[in-house]
Protein backbone atom coordinates (compact mmCIF):
# COMPACT_ATOMS: atom_id res chain seq x y z
CA MET A 1 -0.11 -0.28 -0.07
CA GLU A 2 1.22 3.09 -1.04
CA THR A 3 1.95 5.87 1.60
CA ILE A 4 0.04 9.36 1.45
CA ASN A 5 1.76 12.75 3.12
CA ILE A 6 -1.37 14.68 3.87
CA PHE A 7 0.81 17.76 3.76
CA GLU A 8 1.85 17.70 0.57
CA THR A 9 -1.18 17.19 -1.54
CA LYS A 10 -2.72 19.85 0.68
CA GLU A 11 -3.38 22.62 -1.81
CA LYS A 12 -1.47 25.91 -1.26
CA ASN A 13 -2.38 29.62 -1.91
CA THR A 14 -0.80 30.00 -5.41
CA LYS A 15 -1.91 33.41 -5.75
CA LYS A 16 0.80 35.91 -5.78
CA GLY A 17 0.71 39.19 -7.03
CA ILE A 18 2.40 42.84 -6.45
CA LYS A 19 3.51 44.44 -3.42
CA GLU A 20 3.46 47.79 -2.91
CA SER A 21 3.59 50.39 0.13
CA PHE A 22 1.43 53.03 0.54
CA PRO A 23 1.39 55.81 3.01
CA VAL A 24 -1.81 55.94 5.45
CA THR A 25 -2.60 58.99 7.11
CA GLY A 26 -5.60 60.01 9.95
CA MET A 27 -5.12 56.54 12.02
CA THR A 28 -5.11 57.78 16.06
CA CYS A 29 -4.89 54.49 17.10
CA ALA A 30 -4.79 50.51 16.90
CA SER A 31 -8.46 50.24 16.02
CA CYS A 32 -8.40 52.14 12.66
CA ALA A 33 -5.22 50.36 11.91
CA ALA A 34 -7.25 47.41 12.18
CA SER A 35 -9.83 48.86 10.46
CA VAL A 36 -8.19 49.77 7.33
CA GLU A 37 -6.45 46.68 7.11
CA SER A 38 -9.86 45.00 7.09
CA VAL A 39 -11.42 46.98 4.21
CA LEU A 40 -8.26 46.52 1.92
CA LYS A 41 -8.55 42.63 3.15
CA HIS A 42 -12.07 42.68 1.49
CA THR A 43 -11.29 44.36 -1.62
CA GLU A 44 -11.88 42.64 -4.38
CA GLY A 45 -8.20 41.74 -6.19
CA VAL A 46 -6.38 42.11 -2.93
CA PHE A 47 -4.66 39.12 -1.77
CA ASP A 48 -3.28 40.68 1.70
CA ALA A 49 -3.08 43.64 3.47
CA ASN A 50 -0.58 44.79 6.18
CA VAL A 51 -1.27 48.13 8.19
CA ASN A 52 1.75 49.47 9.73
CA PHE A 53 0.50 51.91 12.74
CA ALA A 54 3.93 52.95 14.11
CA ASN A 55 4.99 54.11 10.72
CA SER A 56 1.57 54.99 9.08
CA SER A 57 1.90 52.87 6.18
CA VAL A 58 -0.21 49.61 4.38
CA LEU A 59 2.03 47.02 2.72
CA VAL A 60 -0.63 45.71 -0.22
CA GLU A 61 -0.23 43.08 -2.38
CA TYR A 62 -2.85 42.95 -5.08
CA ASP A 63 -3.89 40.96 -8.53
CA ALA A 64 -1.56 42.60 -11.36
CA VAL A 65 -4.27 41.50 -13.97
CA SER A 66 -7.24 43.28 -11.85
CA TYR A 67 -5.43 46.56 -11.28
CA THR A 68 -2.34 47.80 -13.49
CA HIS A 69 -1.87 50.44 -10.31
CA LEU A 70 -3.85 50.26 -7.06
CA THR A 71 -5.71 53.23 -5.96
CA LEU A 72 -6.49 53.34 -2.63
CA PRO A 73 -9.64 55.52 -0.92
CA THR A 74 -8.83 58.49 0.37
CA ASN A 75 -10.05 60.52 3.44
CA ARG A 76 -11.94 58.14 4.14
CA GLU A 77 -13.49 57.20 7.23
CA VAL A 78 -13.78 53.56 8.24
């Protein structure tokens, strides 16, 4: 009987996109940073988003096919 390693057969996330850093202004607390991150992660074409509250920036990985250059909303209350 053949042995199968279930960890090798598990489908892995193969989505890769463009990683780009953007400045984020107006964040006054960690909750603001979490809200910005959540909104971005639920945006179509965005694979991942990581907000850094300390340096007021966000690193976004997005689909190069969907966006030629990601445009983030400005002056938006989250």
